[in-house]
PDB file of N, CA and C in Angstrom:
ATOM      1  N   UNK A   1       0.847  -1.170   0.000  1.00  0.00           N
ATOM      2  CA  UNK A   1       0.000   0.000   0.000  1.00  0.00           C
ATOM      3  C   UNK A   1       0.898   1.240   0.000  1.00  0.00           C
ATOM      4  N   UNK A   2       0.485   2.203  -0.803  1.00  0.00           N
ATOM      5  CA  UNK A   2       1.266   3.438  -0.940  1.00  0.00           C
ATOM      6  C   UNK A   2       0.402   4.641  -0.604  1.00  0.00           C
ATOM      7  N   UNK A   3       1.041   5.801  -0.505  1.00  0.00           N
ATOM      8  CA  UNK A   3       0.317   7.040  -0.197  1.00  0.00           C
ATOM      9  C   UNK A   3      -0.808   7.288  -1.188  1.00  0.00           C
ATOM     10  N   UNK A   4      -0.578   6.978  -2.445  1.00  0.00           N
ATOM     11  CA  UNK A   4      -1.570   7.276  -3.482  1.00  0.00           C
ATOM     12  C   UNK A   4      -2.742   6.303  -3.486  1.00  0.00           C
ATOM     13  N   UNK A   5      -2.694   5.261  -2.679  1.00  0.00           N
ATOM     14  CA  UNK A   5      -3.793   4.302  -2.559  1.00  0.00           C
ATOM     15  C   UNK A   5      -4.807   4.823  -1.538  1.00  0.00           C
ATOM     16  N   UNK A   6      -5.331   5.979  -1.832  1.00  0.00           N
ATOM     17  CA  UNK A   6      -6.118   6.746  -0.869  1.00  0.00           C
ATOM     18  C   UNK A   6      -7.327   5.969  -0.361  1.00  0.00           C
ATOM     19  N   UNK A   7      -8.105   5.405  -1.242  1.00  0.00           N
ATOM     20  CA  UNK A   7      -9.315   4.680  -0.828  1.00  0.00           C
ATOM     21  C   UNK A   7      -8.961   3.463   0.020  1.00  0.00           C
ATOM     22  N   UNK A   8      -7.947   2.713  -0.390  1.00  0.00           N
ATOM     23  CA  UNK A   8      -7.541   1.521   0.360  1.00  0.00           C
ATOM     24  C   UNK A   8      -7.019   1.894   1.748  1.00  0.00           C
ATOM     25  N   UNK A   9      -6.261   2.981   1.815  1.00  0.00           N
ATOM     26  CA  UNK A   9      -5.754   3.462   3.107  1.00  0.00           C
ATOM     27  C   UNK A   9      -6.932   3.848   4.000  1.00  0.00           C
ATOM     28  N   UNK A  10      -7.900   4.555   3.455  1.00  0.00           N
ATOM     29  CA  UNK A  10      -9.058   4.988   4.229  1.00  0.00           C
ATOM     30  C   UNK A  10      -9.850   3.794   4.757  1.00  0.00           C
ATOM     31  N   UNK A  11     -10.047   2.799   3.929  1.00  0.00           N
ATOM     32  CA  UNK A  11     -10.771   1.599   4.353  1.00  0.00           C
ATOM     33  C   UNK A  11     -10.050   0.916   5.497  1.00  0.00           C
ATOM     34  N   UNK A  12      -8.759   0.783   5.372  1.00  0.00           N
ATOM     35  CA  UNK A  12      -7.969   0.111   6.417  1.00  0.00           C
ATOM     36  C   UNK A  12      -7.957   0.924   7.706  1.00  0.00           C
ATOM     37  N   UNK A  13      -7.854   2.236   7.599  1.00  0.00           N
ATOM     38  CA  UNK A  13      -7.899   3.080   8.800  1.00  0.00           C
ATOM     39  C   UNK A  13      -9.234   2.934   9.514  1.00  0.00           C
ATOM     40  N   UNK A  14     -10.309   2.861   8.750  1.00  0.00           N
ATOM     41  CA  UNK A  14     -11.627   2.691   9.361  1.00  0.00           C
ATOM     42  C   UNK A  14     -11.718   1.343  10.063  1.00  0.00           C
ATOM     43  N   UNK A  15     -11.130   0.323   9.475  1.00  0.00           N
ATOM     44  CA  UNK A  15     -11.135  -1.005  10.112  1.00  0.00           C
ATOM     45  C   UNK A  15     -10.357  -0.999  11.427  1.00  0.00           C
ATOM     46  N   UNK A  16      -9.225  -0.309  11.443  1.00  0.00           N
ATOM     47  CA  UNK A  16      -8.355  -0.322  12.620  1.00  0.00           C
ATOM     48  C   UNK A  16      -8.718   0.729  13.664  1.00  0.00           C
ATOM     49  N   UNK A  17      -9.352   1.811  13.238  1.00  0.00           N
ATOM     50  CA  UNK A  17      -9.665   2.918  14.154  1.00  0.00           C
ATOM     51  C   UNK A  17     -11.129   3.353  13.986  1.00  0.00           C
ATOM     52  N   UNK A  18     -12.084   2.448  14.207  1.00  0.00           N
ATOM     53  CA  UNK A  18     -13.487   2.783  13.948  1.00  0.00           C
ATOM     54  C   UNK A  18     -14.061   3.857  14.873  1.00  0.00           C
ATOM     55  N   UNK A  19     -13.439   4.066  16.007  1.00  0.00           N
ATOM     56  CA  UNK A  19     -13.959   5.059  16.953  1.00  0.00           C
ATOM     57  C   UNK A  19     -13.180   6.371  16.933  1.00  0.00           C
ATOM     58  N   UNK A  20     -12.228   6.492  16.024  1.00  0.00           N
ATOM     59  CA  UNK A  20     -11.407   7.702  15.958  1.00  0.00           C
ATOM     60  C   UNK A  20     -12.239   8.891  15.479  1.00  0.00           C
ATOM     61  N   UNK A  21     -11.923  10.043  15.999  1.00  0.00           N
ATOM     62  CA  UNK A  21     -12.550  11.291  15.550  1.00  0.00           C
ATOM     63  C   UNK A  21     -11.801  11.747  14.300  1.00  0.00           C
ATOM     64  N   UNK A  22     -12.199  11.195  13.165  1.00  0.00           N
ATOM     65  CA  UNK A  22     -11.447  11.467  11.938  1.00  0.00           C
ATOM     66  C   UNK A  22     -11.736  12.845  11.349  1.00  0.00           C
ATOM     67  N   UNK A  23     -12.646  13.589  11.949  1.00  0.00           N
ATOM     68  CA  UNK A  23     -12.890  14.971  11.520  1.00  0.00           C
ATOM     69  C   UNK A  23     -11.844  15.902  12.134  1.00  0.00           C
ATOM     70  N   UNK A  24     -11.544  15.693  13.396  1.00  0.00           N
ATOM     71  CA  UNK A  24     -10.627  16.574  14.118  1.00  0.00           C
ATOM     72  C   UNK A  24      -9.242  15.957  14.314  1.00  0.00           C
ATOM     73  N   UNK A  25      -8.929  14.949  13.543  1.00  0.00           N
ATOM     74  CA  UNK A  25      -7.646  14.263  13.651  1.00  0.00           C
ATOM     75  C   UNK A  25      -6.513  15.149  13.126  1.00  0.00           C
ATOM     76  N   UNK A  26      -5.461  15.255  13.908  1.00  0.00           N
ATOM     77  CA  UNK A  26      -4.299  16.027  13.452  1.00  0.00           C
ATOM     78  C   UNK A  26      -3.595  15.266  12.329  1.00  0.00           C
ATOM     79  N   UNK A  27      -3.087  16.008  11.356  1.00  0.00           N
ATOM     80  CA  UNK A  27      -2.394  15.380  10.241  1.00  0.00           C
ATOM     81  C   UNK A  27      -1.155  14.629  10.704  1.00  0.00           C
ATOM     82  N   UNK A  28      -0.516  15.074  11.762  1.00  0.00           N
ATOM     83  CA  UNK A  28       0.653  14.350  12.264  1.00  0.00           C
ATOM     84  C   UNK A  28       0.244  12.960  12.757  1.00  0.00           C
ATOM     85  N   UNK A  29      -0.920  12.877  13.404  1.00  0.00           N
ATOM     86  CA  UNK A  29      -1.419  11.568  13.866  1.00  0.00           C
ATOM     87  C   UNK A  29      -1.861  10.710  12.685  1.00  0.00           C
ATOM     88  N   UNK A  30      -2.561  11.321  11.750  1.00  0.00           N
ATOM     89  CA  UNK A  30      -3.005  10.585  10.567  1.00  0.00           C
ATOM     90  C   UNK A  30      -1.816  10.016   9.807  1.00  0.00           C
ATOM     91  N   UNK A  31      -0.798  10.819   9.614  1.00  0.00           N
ATOM     92  CA  UNK A  31       0.414  10.365   8.924  1.00  0.00           C
ATOM     93  C   UNK A  31       1.007   9.152   9.632  1.00  0.00           C
ATOM     94  N   UNK A  32       1.105   9.213  10.945  1.00  0.00           N
ATOM     95  CA  UNK A  32       1.689   8.104  11.700  1.00  0.00           C
ATOM     96  C   UNK A  32       0.834   6.848  11.600  1.00  0.00           C
ATOM     97  N   UNK A  33      -0.483   7.011  11.655  1.00  0.00           N
ATOM     98  CA  UNK A  33      -1.367   5.851  11.544  1.00  0.00           C
ATOM     99  C   UNK A  33      -1.227   5.182  10.182  1.00  0.00           C
ATOM    100  N   UNK A  34      -1.061   5.973   9.135  1.00  0.00           N
ATOM    101  CA  UNK A  34      -0.872   5.400   7.796  1.00  0.00           C
ATOM    102  C   UNK A  34       0.461   4.655   7.747  1.00  0.00           C
ATOM    103  N   UNK A  35       1.505   5.279   8.235  1.00  0.00           N
ATOM    104  CA  UNK A  35       2.825   4.643   8.230  1.00  0.00           C
ATOM    105  C   UNK A  35       2.807   3.343   9.027  1.00  0.00           C
ATOM    106  N   UNK A  36       2.013   3.296  10.097  1.00  0.00           N
ATOM    107  CA  UNK A  36       1.942   2.123  10.961  1.00  0.00           C
ATOM    108  C   UNK A  36       1.095   0.986  10.391  1.00  0.00           C
ATOM    109  N   UNK A  37       0.380   1.234   9.312  1.00  0.00           N
ATOM    110  CA  UNK A  37      -0.413   0.162   8.713  1.00  0.00           C
ATOM    111  C   UNK A  37       0.512  -0.976   8.280  1.00  0.00           C
ATOM    112  N   UNK A  38       0.186  -2.218   8.626  1.00  0.00           N
ATOM    113  CA  UNK A  38       1.065  -3.343   8.262  1.00  0.00           C
ATOM    114  C   UNK A  38       1.278  -3.461   6.756  1.00  0.00           C
ATOM    115  N   UNK A  39       0.287  -3.058   5.970  1.00  0.00           N
ATOM    116  CA  UNK A  39       0.377  -3.173   4.515  1.00  0.00           C
ATOM    117  C   UNK A  39       1.107  -2.002   3.866  1.00  0.00           C
ATOM    118  N   UNK A  40       1.406  -0.982   4.638  1.00  0.00           N
ATOM    119  CA  UNK A  40       2.024   0.222   4.074  1.00  0.00           C
ATOM    120  C   UNK A  40       3.474  -0.058   3.696  1.00  0.00           C
ATOM    121  N   UNK A  41       3.797   0.251   2.450  1.00  0.00           N
ATOM    122  CA  UNK A  41       5.143  -0.005   1.942  1.00  0.00           C
ATOM    123  C   UNK A  41       5.550   1.125   1.001  1.00  0.00           C
ATOM    124  N   UNK A  42       5.724   2.306   1.577  1.00  0.00           N
ATOM    125  CA  UNK A  42       6.094   3.479   0.781  1.00  0.00           C
ATOM    126  C   UNK A  42       7.016   4.346   1.628  1.00  0.00           C
ATOM    127  N   UNK A  43       7.573   5.350   1.011  1.00  0.00           N
ATOM    128  CA  UNK A  43       8.458   6.276   1.717  1.00  0.00           C
ATOM    129  C   UNK A  43       7.649   7.029   2.778  1.00  0.00           C
ATOM    130  N   UNK A  44       8.001   6.904   4.055  1.00  0.00           N
ATOM    131  CA  UNK A  44       7.267   7.599   5.103  1.00  0.00           C
ATOM    132  C   UNK A  44       7.227   9.115   4.910  1.00  0.00           C
ATOM    133  N   UNK A  45       8.206   9.653   4.232  1.00  0.00           N
ATOM    134  CA  UNK A  45       8.264  11.094   3.997  1.00  0.00           C
ATOM    135  C   UNK A  45       7.681  11.484   2.646  1.00  0.00           C
ATOM    136  N   UNK A  46       7.001  10.555   1.993  1.00  0.00           N
ATOM    137  CA  UNK A  46       6.488  10.794   0.652  1.00  0.00           C
ATOM    138  C   UNK A  46       5.098  11.401   0.599  1.00  0.00           C
ATOM    139  N   UNK A  47       4.619  11.899   1.708  1.00  0.00           N
ATOM    140  CA  UNK A  47       3.282  12.488   1.704  1.00  0.00           C
ATOM    141  C   UNK A  47       3.373  13.996   1.876  1.00  0.00           C
ATOM    142  N   UNK A  48       2.254  14.631   1.611  1.00  0.00           N
ATOM    143  CA  UNK A  48       2.144  16.063   1.842  1.00  0.00           C
ATOM    144  C   UNK A  48       0.743  16.338   2.387  1.00  0.00           C
ATOM    145  N   UNK A  49       0.468  17.577   2.675  1.00  0.00           N
ATOM    146  CA  UNK A  49      -0.816  17.934   3.269  1.00  0.00           C
ATOM    147  C   UNK A  49      -1.980  17.584   2.336  1.00  0.00           C
ATOM    148  N   UNK A  50      -1.772  17.741   1.047  1.00  0.00           N
ATOM    149  CA  UNK A  50      -2.825  17.439   0.076  1.00  0.00           C
ATOM    150  C   UNK A  50      -3.198  15.953   0.123  1.00  0.00           C
ATOM    151  N   UNK A  51      -2.210  15.079   0.179  1.00  0.00           N
ATOM    152  CA  UNK A  51      -2.482  13.639   0.260  1.00  0.00           C
ATOM    153  C   UNK A  51      -3.170  13.278   1.574  1.00  0.00           C
ATOM    154  N   UNK A  52      -2.696  13.853   2.664  1.00  0.00           N
ATOM    155  CA  UNK A  52      -3.304  13.566   3.963  1.00  0.00           C
ATOM    156  C   UNK A  52      -4.754  14.039   3.999  1.00  0.00           C
ATOM    157  N   UNK A  53      -5.019  15.184   3.405  1.00  0.00           N
ATOM    158  CA  UNK A  53      -6.386  15.683   3.352  1.00  0.00           C
ATOM    159  C   UNK A  53      -7.259  14.758   2.509  1.00  0.00           C
ATOM    160  N   UNK A  54      -6.725  14.263   1.401  1.00  0.00           N
ATOM    161  CA  UNK A  54      -7.482  13.341   0.546  1.00  0.00           C
ATOM    162  C   UNK A  54      -7.783  12.041   1.294  1.00  0.00           C
ATOM    163  N   UNK A  55      -6.826  11.540   2.066  1.00  0.00           N
ATOM    164  CA  UNK A  55      -7.047  10.341   2.873  1.00  0.00           C
ATOM    165  C   UNK A  55      -8.126  10.604   3.916  1.00  0.00           C
ATOM    166  N   UNK A  56      -8.042  11.749   4.567  1.00  0.00           N
ATOM    167  CA  UNK A  56      -9.037  12.096   5.580  1.00  0.00           C
ATOM    168  C   UNK A  56     -10.434  12.176   4.963  1.00  0.00           C
ATOM    169  N   UNK A  57     -10.569  12.796   3.814  1.00  0.00           N
ATOM    170  CA  UNK A  57     -11.872  12.925   3.156  1.00  0.00           C
ATOM    171  C   UNK A  57     -12.409  11.549   2.734  1.00  0.00           C
ATOM    172  N   UNK A  58     -11.527  10.696   2.221  1.00  0.00           N
ATOM    173  CA  UNK A  58     -11.944   9.345   1.845  1.00  0.00           C
ATOM    174  C   UNK A  58     -12.383   8.562   3.075  1.00  0.00           C
ATOM    175  N   UNK A  59     -11.705   8.765   4.179  1.00  0.00           N
ATOM    176  CA  UNK A  59     -12.067   8.085   5.422  1.00  0.00           C
ATOM    177  C   UNK A  59     -13.447   8.559   5.887  1.00  0.00           C
ATOM    178  N   UNK A  60     -13.700   9.847   5.780  1.00  0.00           N
ATOM    179  CA  UNK A  60     -15.021  10.368   6.137  1.00  0.00           C
ATOM    180  C   UNK A  60     -16.109   9.744   5.251  1.00  0.00           C
ATOM    181  N   UNK A  61     -15.814   9.600   3.970  1.00  0.00           N
ATOM    182  CA  UNK A  61     -16.765   8.962   3.050  1.00  0.00           C
ATOM    183  C   UNK A  61     -17.012   7.509   3.442  1.00  0.00           C
ATOM    184  N   UNK A  62     -15.968   6.825   3.875  1.00  0.00           N
ATOM    185  CA  UNK A  62     -16.117   5.431   4.290  1.00  0.00           C
ATOM    186  C   UNK A  62     -17.074   5.290   5.462  1.00  0.00           C
ATOM    187  N   UNK A  63     -17.098   6.267   6.320  1.00  0.00           N
ATOM    188  CA  UNK A  63     -17.959   6.215   7.496  1.00  0.00           C
ATOM    189  C   UNK A  63     -19.412   6.442   7.176  1.00  0.00           C
ATOM    190  N   UNK A  64     -19.673   7.106   6.089  1.00  0.00           N
ATOM    191  CA  UNK A  64     -21.074   7.428   5.747  1.00  0.00           C
ATOM    192  C   UNK A  64     -21.831   6.258   5.226  1.00  0.00           C
TER     193      UNK A  64
END
């Protein structure tokens, strides 16, 4: 799994953190949670705010 696998990352985050407040989640925490995913295999420094925001929005969609 890579940073650009936004939907897959969001699905996995929802599976692992179903009670997380993903609306008010700090990007630093979100970044760490993505890096900590067992399936994650990308450069930990390869993300930016735009990617993190896209992951957060996809995660919000997953909850709906």
